[in-house]
Amino acid sequence: MSNFLTSAAIAAGILSLSATAGFAQSVELPDYYPDNYDEIIEASRSEDGLVIYSNMADNNWQPVIEGFRERYPWINVETLDLGSGTVHSRWEAEAGSGSRSADILVSGANDRWASYGLEGGRMMNYASPEIEHLPEFANPYPGVLVLSADPLVITYNAALLAEDARPTGLASLAEAAAADPGTFNGRITTYDAARNSFGLAAWWNYLDVKGEEGWNHLRQIGPMIRGETSGGPMNEKIATGEYVIGVAVSGITIFPRLEQPGGEILGFAFPDDGTIVMLRGMGIPENAANPNSAKLFVDFALSHAGQTLIGKGGLVPLREDVDENEVRYTYQGIAETIGEENMIIAGFDEGLITDAPDFVNKWNAALQGK
C-alpha cells in the first residue's frame, strides 16, 4: 500500500472515530425533561441545520445562538432579519413550494400569531418541557409561544432635547409639541400601524387600554409624525437629528445602540402613561424541514440558560429565575421599576384581526389630526 493510501486510510479512521464520538456525545439536560428526549437529539443529527425568520438583528441573536451551538455543535443556525410582517408573508409564500424555508418563525406580528392560533394547523403543536417554567401568557395558543417580553420606549436625541424638555410619555409629548411646534413638527417618529404589523399590535393594544384619551393625544401630534416600519432607522435618524424623538420604539433596537460609538447622543425612557410590552411570538411551522432541530432550539431559547442569553442580546427574558444582574432587564424587573399597572401587554388578541380595518382608518385620520 502506498504512503498516500496509508495516510488516507488513517485519516478516514480518525474521521470515523470522531464522527462516532460526536454521535455518542451526551447532552446535559434539566431533570424535568422527558426520558425519551434523547430521541429528538439523535434525530436532529441527520437534519440540515436551522433557518430562522425573525424581526431580530444579528446582535440580538448572537449570544443565544453561540450558547445553542455549544450544546448542539452539529446544528448550524442561519437567521434572516426581516420585518415582522415579512417574516410571515415570506414563509406563507414559500410554504408548499418545495424551496428551503423557515424552520422557526419569530416576530412581533401578533395579528398573524393570533390568526395562526385561532385557525390552527399552521404551527406545530409542540409542548415544550419549558412551558411549565414560564408565565401563563407564554403559550397563548397551541403551537404559539412567547420568546421575550420587550418594552417599547421613548427614544430621544439628548443633544437636541434638554433634560427638562424631554417628554416622559404620550401625554407630555402632546403638551410639549403644542407648546413648541417648531422643535417637534415633522421630527417625531413611531411605527406606522397602517404599514407595519408590529406597529399595529403595539398601538392597537395601547389605544385599546387608553381609549379616547389616548386617541386625543395621538391626534394632537399626528400631523407632526413621520411613520417608520423598523426601529433601527428610527434610532439612526434620531441620532443624526432628523428626528428629535421616537414614541413606542422597540427597546431591543435602542438598548444595544446605547453601548455603540455615538450611543451617548441617544437616551430613552419608559413612558409614564403606559409602557407597551410586546410579547414576541415564536413557532415551528407544521411543515418545517428540520423539526427536531427546531424543537431543540425552541427548548433551549426558553430554558434558564437560553433566556439569560436572550437577555444578553438585548431582549427581555420571561423567566422569573433569570438574574437581572446578568442581563439588561427582566420582565419582572420592569414591572417593579415602572409598576405593573403601567405595563400595557401587547399580546395576541382576536381584535387585532377583527378590528384592524376600522383601527387603521382611525389611525390614518389621527395622523392628520382628525
Protein backbone atom coordinates (compact mmCIF):
# COMPACT_ATOMS: atom_id res chain seq x y z
CA MET A 1 0.00 0.00 0.00
CA SER A 2 1.39 3.45 -0.91
CA ASN A 3 2.18 6.04 1.75
CA PHE A 4 -0.62 8.17 0.30
CA LEU A 5 -3.20 5.39 0.64
CA THR A 6 -1.95 4.51 4.11
CA SER A 7 -2.30 8.14 5.23
CA ALA A 8 -5.74 8.35 3.68
CA ALA A 9 -6.87 5.20 5.47
CA ILE A 10 -5.59 6.50 8.81
CA ALA A 11 -7.31 9.84 8.23
CA ALA A 12 -10.55 8.09 7.35
CA GLY A 13 -10.33 6.03 10.52
CA ILE A 14 -9.78 9.14 12.62
CA LEU A 15 -12.77 10.84 10.99
CA SER A 16 -14.87 7.75 11.58
CA LEU A 17 -13.91 7.68 15.25
CA SER A 18 -14.55 11.43 15.54
CA ALA A 19 -17.97 11.05 13.99
CA THR A 20 -18.78 8.16 16.32
CA ALA A 21 -17.59 10.16 19.32
CA GLY A 22 -19.67 13.11 18.20
CA PHE A 23 -22.70 10.88 17.77
CA ALA A 24 -22.28 9.48 21.26
CA GLN A 25 -21.71 12.89 22.83
CA SER A 26 -24.07 13.32 25.77
CA VAL A 27 -26.06 16.50 26.35
CA GLU A 28 -26.74 17.59 29.91
CA LEU A 29 -30.43 18.42 30.29
CA PRO A 30 -32.70 19.53 33.14
CA ASP A 31 -34.16 16.66 35.15
CA TYR A 32 -37.72 17.62 34.18
CA TYR A 33 -37.19 16.78 30.50
CA PRO A 34 -38.94 13.58 29.31
CA ASP A 35 -36.97 10.34 29.33
CA ASN A 36 -37.23 9.97 25.55
CA TYR A 37 -35.87 13.46 24.80
CA ASP A 38 -32.63 11.92 23.52
CA GLU A 39 -34.65 10.64 20.55
CA ILE A 40 -35.16 14.27 19.43
CA ILE A 41 -31.46 14.95 19.89
CA GLU A 42 -30.39 11.91 17.85
CA ALA A 43 -32.93 12.66 15.10
CA SER A 44 -31.54 16.18 14.76
CA ARG A 45 -28.11 14.83 13.77
CA SER A 46 -29.39 13.76 10.35
CA GLU A 47 -31.12 17.08 9.65
CA ASP A 48 -29.77 20.05 7.70
CA GLY A 49 -29.46 22.76 10.33
CA LEU A 50 -31.92 25.54 11.07
CA VAL A 51 -33.28 28.57 9.25
CA ILE A 52 -34.99 31.18 11.43
CA TYR A 53 -37.03 34.07 10.03
CA SER A 54 -37.29 36.85 12.61
CA ASN A 55 -37.51 40.58 13.21
CA MET A 56 -34.34 40.48 15.28
CA ALA A 57 -30.86 41.67 14.33
CA ASP A 58 -27.70 39.56 14.41
CA ASN A 59 -26.53 41.21 17.65
CA ASN A 60 -29.80 40.18 19.34
CA TRP A 61 -29.37 36.58 18.22
CA GLN A 62 -25.63 36.19 18.73
CA PRO A 63 -25.46 35.20 22.44
CA VAL A 64 -28.24 32.60 22.31
CA ILE A 65 -27.02 31.08 19.05
CA GLU A 66 -23.49 30.76 20.43
CA GLY A 67 -24.90 29.05 23.54
CA PHE A 68 -27.04 26.73 21.42
CA ARG A 69 -24.05 25.74 19.26
CA GLU A 70 -22.05 24.89 22.36
CA ARG A 71 -24.75 22.42 23.34
CA TYR A 72 -25.56 21.13 19.84
CA PRO A 73 -22.43 21.81 17.74
CA TRP A 74 -23.68 19.78 14.78
CA ILE A 75 -26.65 22.13 14.17
CA ASN A 76 -25.87 25.17 12.03
CA VAL A 77 -28.22 28.12 12.60
CA GLU A 78 -28.98 30.73 9.95
CA THR A 79 -31.13 33.76 10.80
CA LEU A 80 -32.77 36.25 8.46
CA ASP A 81 -33.62 39.70 9.86
CA LEU A 82 -36.94 40.68 8.27
CA GLY A 83 -39.80 42.99 9.11
CA SER A 84 -42.42 41.46 11.41
CA GLY A 85 -45.00 41.12 8.64
CA THR A 86 -42.40 39.96 6.13
CA VAL A 87 -41.44 37.06 8.42
CA HIS A 88 -44.90 35.63 7.83
CA SER A 89 -45.66 36.71 4.28
CA ARG A 90 -42.36 35.26 3.04
CA TRP A 91 -42.89 31.97 4.86
CA GLU A 92 -46.51 31.75 3.70
CA ALA A 93 -45.45 32.35 0.08
CA GLU A 94 -42.77 29.67 0.32
CA ALA A 95 -44.85 27.07 2.17
CA GLY A 96 -45.58 24.17 -0.13
CA SER A 97 -43.30 25.46 -2.88
CA GLY A 98 -40.57 22.92 -2.19
CA SER A 99 -37.96 25.65 -1.60
CA ARG A 100 -35.96 25.88 1.62
CA SER A 101 -37.91 27.98 4.09
CA ALA A 102 -38.03 28.75 7.78
CA ASP A 103 -37.90 26.08 10.46
CA ILE A 104 -38.79 28.64 13.13
CA LEU A 105 -40.64 31.96 12.94
CA VAL A 106 -40.10 34.76 15.48
CA SER A 107 -41.85 38.12 15.20
CA GLY A 108 -43.93 40.85 16.78
CA ALA A 109 -46.65 40.49 14.12
CA ASN A 110 -49.13 39.48 16.76
CA ASP A 111 -52.09 39.70 14.41
CA ARG A 112 -50.52 36.85 12.40
CA TRP A 113 -49.87 34.81 15.53
CA ALA A 114 -53.47 35.34 16.59
CA SER A 115 -54.69 34.14 13.20
CA TYR A 116 -52.49 31.01 13.38
CA GLY A 117 -53.76 30.27 16.87
CA LEU A 118 -57.42 30.78 16.01
CA GLU A 119 -57.29 28.90 12.70
CA GLY A 120 -54.97 26.13 13.89
CA GLY A 121 -52.88 23.85 11.71
CA ARG A 122 -50.19 26.34 10.67
CA MET A 123 -47.81 25.88 13.61
CA MET A 124 -46.68 22.57 15.07
CA ASN A 125 -48.41 21.92 18.39
CA TYR A 126 -45.17 21.25 20.22
CA ALA A 127 -45.44 21.11 24.03
CA SER A 128 -42.01 22.30 25.15
CA PRO A 129 -40.92 20.92 28.52
CA GLU A 130 -40.02 24.51 29.44
CA ILE A 131 -43.63 25.79 29.29
CA GLU A 132 -44.34 24.89 32.91
CA HIS A 133 -41.49 27.19 33.97
CA LEU A 134 -42.82 30.24 32.11
CA PRO A 135 -45.62 32.75 32.83
CA GLU A 136 -49.12 31.78 31.70
CA PHE A 137 -49.02 34.22 28.79
CA ALA A 138 -46.04 32.40 27.26
CA ASN A 139 -48.22 29.83 25.45
CA PRO A 140 -51.33 31.70 24.25
CA TYR A 141 -52.36 29.16 21.61
CA PRO A 142 -51.30 25.61 20.73
CA GLY A 143 -48.09 25.95 18.74
CA VAL A 144 -47.65 29.65 19.56
CA LEU A 145 -45.03 30.50 22.19
CA VAL A 146 -43.55 33.74 23.52
CA LEU A 147 -39.79 34.23 23.25
CA SER A 148 -39.49 37.56 25.07
CA ALA A 149 -41.49 40.46 26.52
CA ASP A 150 -39.89 43.62 25.19
CA PRO A 151 -40.77 47.17 26.27
CA LEU A 152 -41.43 49.92 23.74
CA VAL A 153 -39.81 53.12 24.93
CA ILE A 154 -39.44 56.80 24.19
CA THR A 155 -36.14 57.44 22.42
CA TYR A 156 -34.72 60.94 22.06
CA ASN A 157 -31.71 62.92 20.89
CA ALA A 158 -30.07 64.04 24.14
CA ALA A 159 -28.15 66.83 22.40
CA LEU A 160 -31.28 68.41 20.91
CA LEU A 161 -33.66 68.00 23.85
CA ALA A 162 -32.54 69.45 27.16
CA GLU A 163 -33.21 67.23 30.15
CA ASP A 164 -36.14 69.32 31.36
CA ALA A 165 -37.65 69.34 27.85
CA ARG A 166 -37.74 65.57 27.31
CA PRO A 167 -41.29 64.19 27.22
CA THR A 168 -41.94 61.28 29.54
CA GLY A 169 -44.99 59.81 27.80
CA LEU A 170 -47.51 60.37 25.03
CA ALA A 171 -49.45 62.90 27.09
CA SER A 172 -46.40 65.00 27.94
CA LEU A 173 -45.21 64.78 24.31
CA ALA A 174 -48.56 66.15 23.12
CA GLU A 175 -48.24 69.00 25.64
CA ALA A 176 -44.62 69.76 24.68
CA ALA A 177 -45.37 69.67 20.96
CA ALA A 178 -48.29 72.07 21.37
CA ALA A 179 -46.06 74.49 23.30
CA ASP A 180 -43.09 74.25 20.90
CA PRO A 181 -44.22 73.04 17.47
CA GLY A 182 -41.03 74.25 15.81
CA THR A 183 -38.97 71.66 17.66
CA PHE A 184 -41.29 68.73 17.05
CA ASN A 185 -43.06 69.30 13.72
CA GLY A 186 -42.02 66.53 11.32
CA ARG A 187 -39.45 65.28 13.82
CA ILE A 188 -41.49 62.73 15.76
CA THR A 189 -41.44 59.12 14.66
CA THR A 190 -43.09 55.82 15.57
CA TYR A 191 -44.08 52.55 13.94
CA ASP A 192 -46.78 53.22 11.36
CA ALA A 193 -49.67 50.99 12.40
CA ALA A 194 -51.12 51.19 8.88
CA ARG A 195 -47.98 49.78 7.25
CA ASN A 196 -46.43 47.56 9.87
CA SER A 197 -47.78 44.55 11.79
CA PHE A 198 -45.54 45.32 14.76
CA GLY A 199 -46.89 48.86 14.91
CA LEU A 200 -50.45 47.60 14.57
CA ALA A 201 -50.02 45.24 17.55
CA ALA A 202 -48.36 47.94 19.66
CA TRP A 203 -50.75 50.79 19.01
CA TRP A 204 -53.92 48.69 18.94
CA ASN A 205 -53.16 47.43 22.43
CA TYR A 206 -52.14 50.85 23.75
CA LEU A 207 -55.21 52.64 22.42
CA ASP A 208 -57.48 49.78 23.45
CA VAL A 209 -56.39 50.49 27.04
CA LYS A 210 -56.16 54.29 26.84
CA GLY A 211 -59.33 54.81 24.84
CA GLU A 212 -60.36 58.27 23.68
CA GLU A 213 -57.82 60.00 25.90
CA GLY A 214 -55.04 58.22 24.05
CA TRP A 215 -56.62 58.93 20.68
CA ASN A 216 -56.84 62.65 21.53
CA HIS A 217 -53.15 62.78 22.41
CA LEU A 218 -52.33 60.99 19.16
CA ARG A 219 -54.43 63.46 17.16
CA GLN A 220 -52.55 66.36 18.75
CA ILE A 221 -49.19 65.14 17.48
CA GLY A 222 -50.41 63.12 14.48
CA PRO A 223 -49.57 65.72 11.80
CA MET A 224 -46.06 66.03 13.29
CA ILE A 225 -45.35 62.28 13.00
CA ARG A 226 -43.36 60.61 10.23
CA GLY A 227 -44.01 56.91 10.47
CA GLU A 228 -41.38 54.21 10.01
CA THR A 229 -41.58 50.43 9.69
CA SER A 230 -38.40 49.47 11.58
CA GLY A 231 -36.78 50.54 14.84
CA GLY A 232 -33.19 50.64 13.56
CA PRO A 233 -33.78 53.51 11.09
CA MET A 234 -35.75 55.39 13.75
CA ASN A 235 -32.80 55.40 16.14
CA GLU A 236 -30.30 56.28 13.42
CA LYS A 237 -32.41 59.25 12.31
CA ILE A 238 -32.85 60.36 15.92
CA ALA A 239 -29.07 60.19 16.39
CA THR A 240 -28.48 62.36 13.29
CA GLY A 241 -31.14 64.89 14.33
CA GLU A 242 -33.58 64.16 11.52
CA TYR A 243 -35.98 63.23 14.32
CA VAL A 244 -35.74 64.52 17.87
CA ILE A 245 -37.92 61.84 19.45
CA GLY A 246 -39.45 58.43 18.82
CA VAL A 247 -42.53 57.05 20.55
CA ALA A 248 -43.16 53.33 21.20
CA VAL A 249 -39.74 52.36 19.79
CA SER A 250 -38.70 48.74 20.38
CA GLY A 251 -36.26 48.55 23.26
CA ILE A 252 -34.22 45.82 21.55
CA THR A 253 -33.22 48.32 18.86
CA ILE A 254 -32.12 51.04 21.27
CA PHE A 255 -30.53 49.17 24.21
CA PRO A 256 -27.56 47.74 22.22
CA ARG A 257 -27.22 51.03 20.30
CA LEU A 258 -26.52 52.93 23.54
CA GLU A 259 -23.30 50.95 24.01
CA GLN A 260 -22.00 51.54 20.47
CA PRO A 261 -19.86 54.50 19.36
CA GLY A 262 -22.03 57.62 19.33
CA GLY A 263 -24.62 55.98 21.55
CA GLU A 264 -24.22 58.68 24.17
CA ILE A 265 -26.23 61.05 21.99
CA LEU A 266 -29.30 58.87 22.47
CA GLY A 267 -31.48 58.46 25.53
CA PHE A 268 -34.65 56.60 26.40
CA ALA A 269 -37.40 56.45 28.98
CA PHE A 270 -40.18 54.05 29.89
CA PRO A 271 -43.38 56.01 29.12
CA ASP A 272 -45.03 57.07 32.37
CA ASP A 273 -48.55 56.93 30.95
CA GLY A 274 -48.34 53.36 29.72
CA THR A 275 -45.32 51.32 28.61
CA ILE A 276 -46.22 48.86 25.88
CA VAL A 277 -44.67 45.43 26.46
CA MET A 278 -44.54 43.48 23.22
CA LEU A 279 -44.88 39.72 23.51
CA ARG A 280 -42.64 38.38 20.75
CA GLY A 281 -44.21 35.28 19.22
CA MET A 282 -42.35 32.13 18.21
CA GLY A 283 -43.46 28.96 16.48
CA ILE A 284 -42.34 25.95 14.46
CA PRO A 285 -44.21 25.62 11.14
CA GLU A 286 -46.13 22.38 10.82
CA ASN A 287 -44.17 21.53 7.65
CA ALA A 288 -40.71 22.51 8.96
CA ALA A 289 -37.95 20.67 7.13
CA ASN A 290 -35.90 20.19 10.31
CA PRO A 291 -38.44 19.73 13.09
CA ASN A 292 -36.17 18.06 15.63
CA SER A 293 -33.51 20.74 15.40
CA ALA A 294 -36.28 23.33 15.71
CA LYS A 295 -37.62 21.70 18.88
CA LEU A 296 -34.14 21.70 20.41
CA PHE A 297 -33.71 25.39 19.64
CA VAL A 298 -37.13 26.38 21.00
CA ASP A 299 -36.48 24.45 24.21
CA PHE A 300 -33.03 25.99 24.62
CA ALA A 301 -34.31 29.53 23.97
CA LEU A 302 -36.99 29.09 26.65
CA SER A 303 -34.66 27.44 29.18
CA HIS A 304 -32.98 29.28 32.04
CA ALA A 305 -29.67 29.30 30.14
CA GLY A 306 -31.29 30.38 26.88
CA GLN A 307 -33.39 33.12 28.43
CA THR A 308 -30.31 34.51 30.16
CA LEU A 309 -28.55 34.66 26.77
CA ILE A 310 -31.67 36.15 25.18
CA GLY A 311 -31.34 38.90 27.79
CA LYS A 312 -27.67 39.44 26.96
CA GLY A 313 -28.74 40.05 23.36
CA GLY A 314 -30.96 42.93 24.41
CA LEU A 315 -34.32 41.20 24.66
CA VAL A 316 -36.27 40.87 27.89
CA PRO A 317 -36.49 37.32 29.29
CA LEU A 318 -39.73 35.98 30.73
CA ARG A 319 -38.47 33.55 33.33
CA GLU A 320 -38.50 34.54 36.98
CA ASP A 321 -35.28 32.60 37.60
CA VAL A 322 -33.18 34.82 35.31
CA ASP A 323 -30.87 37.03 37.39
CA GLU A 324 -31.37 40.67 36.41
CA ASN A 325 -27.70 41.31 37.27
CA GLU A 326 -26.77 39.19 34.24
CA VAL A 327 -28.99 40.98 31.69
CA ARG A 328 -30.24 44.47 30.95
CA TYR A 329 -33.80 43.90 32.08
CA THR A 330 -36.22 41.15 33.01
CA TYR A 331 -39.99 41.20 32.72
CA GLN A 332 -40.34 41.08 36.49
CA GLY A 333 -37.72 43.82 36.95
CA ILE A 334 -39.52 46.18 34.59
CA ALA A 335 -42.78 45.56 36.43
CA GLU A 336 -41.07 46.56 39.69
CA THR A 337 -39.46 49.62 38.10
CA ILE A 338 -42.47 51.17 36.39
CA GLY A 339 -45.33 49.45 38.21
CA GLU A 340 -47.26 46.52 36.83
CA GLU A 341 -50.30 48.78 36.43
CA ASN A 342 -48.28 50.88 33.94
CA MET A 343 -47.48 47.90 31.69
CA ILE A 344 -49.70 47.53 28.62
CA ILE A 345 -49.24 43.96 27.39
CA ALA A 346 -49.34 43.69 23.60
CA GLY A 347 -50.43 40.09 23.16
CA PHE A 348 -52.43 38.07 20.66
CA ASP A 349 -56.00 39.36 20.97
CA GLU A 350 -58.52 38.41 18.29
CA GLY A 351 -59.29 42.11 17.97
CA LEU A 352 -56.01 42.55 16.10
CA ILE A 353 -57.76 40.72 13.26
CA THR A 354 -61.40 41.74 13.58
CA ASP A 355 -60.79 45.41 14.42
CA ALA A 356 -57.83 46.04 12.12
CA PRO A 357 -59.60 47.71 9.14
CA ASP A 358 -61.53 50.20 11.29
CA PHE A 359 -58.50 50.78 13.50
CA VAL A 360 -56.24 51.59 10.54
CA ASN A 361 -58.79 54.05 9.17
CA LYS A 362 -59.00 55.78 12.53
CA TRP A 363 -55.19 55.72 12.85
CA ASN A 364 -54.70 57.36 9.44
CA ALA A 365 -57.24 60.05 10.35
CA ALA A 366 -55.47 60.70 13.68
CA LEU A 367 -52.17 61.23 11.87
CA GLN A 368 -53.94 64.01 10.01
CA GLY A 369 -55.21 65.47 13.28
CA LYS A 370 -58.81 64.33 12.65
